[in-house]
Amino acid sequence: MELERQGNVLVVSHQAVIRCLLAYFLDKSADELPYLNVPLHTVIKLTPVAYGCRVEHFKLGIDAVDTHRPKPPGWKEDGPKEINELLSQTTLADNLKSGKL
């Protein structure tokens, strides 16, 4: 990605977009992406280092609720067993019609 070879870059964006960028630069999997902590009203500075990036957080001093949702207990990398079984057996439309979802 050419962005890595440029000078300083400032990205002002929605938390979901920042999570995607953090996952890329921090080499996180797609399963980890939704659970990356991206606090509101915070500047996140990434500094390239050997084999990764150093992450620094600078809070802007604006009160905000914590919108981070941790990974649910018992969550496996391939997702909840019941949901995977349900989706593999029938189509989503079938599950909705039968009231299983």
Protein backbone atom coordinates (compact mmCIF):
# COMPACT_ATOMS: atom_id res chain seq x y z
CA MET A 1 0.00 0.00 0.00
CA GLU A 2 1.44 3.34 -1.02
CA LEU A 3 0.11 5.03 2.12
CA GLU A 4 2.87 3.30 4.08
CA ARG A 5 5.59 4.95 2.02
CA GLN A 6 4.34 8.54 2.30
CA GLY A 7 4.91 11.21 4.91
CA ASN A 8 2.55 11.88 7.79
CA VAL A 9 -1.14 11.18 7.18
CA LEU A 10 -4.11 12.32 9.28
CA VAL A 11 -7.33 10.31 8.93
CA VAL A 12 -10.53 11.64 10.49
CA SER A 13 -13.16 8.98 10.21
CA HIS A 14 -15.91 6.83 11.70
CA GLN A 15 -14.79 4.23 14.24
CA ALA A 16 -15.54 1.35 11.85
CA VAL A 17 -13.18 2.73 9.20
CA ILE A 18 -10.47 3.32 11.80
CA ARG A 19 -10.89 -0.29 12.99
CA CYS A 20 -10.28 -1.48 9.41
CA LEU A 21 -7.15 0.64 9.09
CA LEU A 22 -5.86 -0.50 12.51
CA ALA A 23 -6.48 -4.14 11.61
CA TYR A 24 -4.44 -3.68 8.43
CA PHE A 25 -1.50 -1.88 10.03
CA LEU A 26 -1.48 -4.05 13.19
CA ASP A 27 -1.86 -7.29 11.19
CA LYS A 28 -5.10 -8.33 12.90
CA SER A 29 -7.47 -10.94 11.50
CA ALA A 30 -10.99 -10.25 10.25
CA ASP A 31 -12.30 -12.05 13.35
CA GLU A 32 -10.48 -9.58 15.62
CA LEU A 33 -11.48 -6.48 13.65
CA PRO A 34 -14.92 -5.80 15.24
CA TYR A 35 -13.42 -5.94 18.73
CA LEU A 36 -10.53 -3.51 18.25
CA ASN A 37 -10.82 -0.69 20.76
CA VAL A 38 -11.25 2.67 19.01
CA PRO A 39 -12.26 5.24 21.63
CA LEU A 40 -14.19 8.35 20.67
CA HIS A 41 -12.44 11.75 20.62
CA THR A 42 -8.97 10.21 20.57
CA VAL A 43 -6.05 10.68 18.22
CA ILE A 44 -4.39 7.34 17.51
CA LYS A 45 -0.80 7.67 16.34
CA LEU A 46 0.82 4.76 14.52
CA THR A 47 4.58 4.79 14.17
CA PRO A 48 6.18 2.16 11.92
CA VAL A 49 8.71 -0.03 13.71
CA ALA A 50 10.37 -3.29 12.71
CA TYR A 51 7.64 -5.87 12.07
CA GLY A 52 4.67 -3.69 13.00
CA CYS A 53 3.57 -0.35 14.41
CA ARG A 54 3.82 1.38 17.76
CA VAL A 55 0.40 2.65 18.88
CA GLU A 56 -0.11 5.79 20.97
CA HIS A 57 -3.47 7.21 22.12
CA PHE A 58 -4.01 10.93 22.79
CA LYS A 59 -7.39 11.71 24.36
CA LEU A 60 -8.84 15.09 23.41
CA GLY A 61 -10.48 15.71 26.79
CA ILE A 62 -14.05 15.56 25.51
CA ASP A 63 -16.46 13.52 27.61
CA ALA A 64 -17.90 10.56 25.71
CA VAL A 65 -19.38 7.19 26.47
CA ASP A 66 -17.30 4.07 25.95
CA THR A 67 -18.63 2.42 22.79
CA HIS A 68 -16.17 -0.50 22.83
CA ARG A 69 -17.73 -3.96 22.92
CA PRO A 70 -15.37 -6.73 24.00
CA LYS A 71 -15.38 -10.15 22.40
CA PRO A 72 -18.15 -12.22 24.06
CA PRO A 73 -17.02 -14.91 26.53
CA GLY A 74 -16.74 -18.31 24.89
CA TRP A 75 -16.43 -16.80 21.42
CA LYS A 76 -14.34 -18.98 19.16
CA GLU A 77 -12.45 -17.79 16.10
CA ASP A 78 -14.95 -19.58 13.86
CA GLY A 79 -17.94 -18.03 15.64
CA PRO A 80 -20.62 -19.52 17.86
CA LYS A 81 -21.12 -23.22 17.14
CA GLU A 82 -24.93 -23.00 17.10
CA ILE A 83 -25.01 -20.25 14.50
CA ASN A 84 -22.50 -22.01 12.24
CA GLU A 85 -24.50 -25.25 12.43
CA LEU A 86 -27.76 -23.43 11.76
CA LEU A 87 -26.38 -21.58 8.75
CA SER A 88 -24.73 -24.66 7.28
CA GLN A 89 -27.94 -26.73 7.41
CA THR A 90 -30.37 -24.37 5.72
CA THR A 91 -30.53 -21.00 4.05
CA LEU A 92 -31.07 -17.79 5.97
CA ALA A 93 -34.51 -17.39 4.38
CA ASP A 94 -35.54 -20.86 5.60
CA ASN A 95 -34.41 -20.02 9.14
CA LEU A 96 -36.32 -16.73 9.11
CA LYS A 97 -39.51 -18.40 7.86
CA SER A 98 -39.32 -21.15 10.47
CA GLY A 99 -38.79 -18.64 13.29
CA LYS A 100 -35.36 -20.02 14.26
CA LEU A 101 -33.82 -16.56 13.86
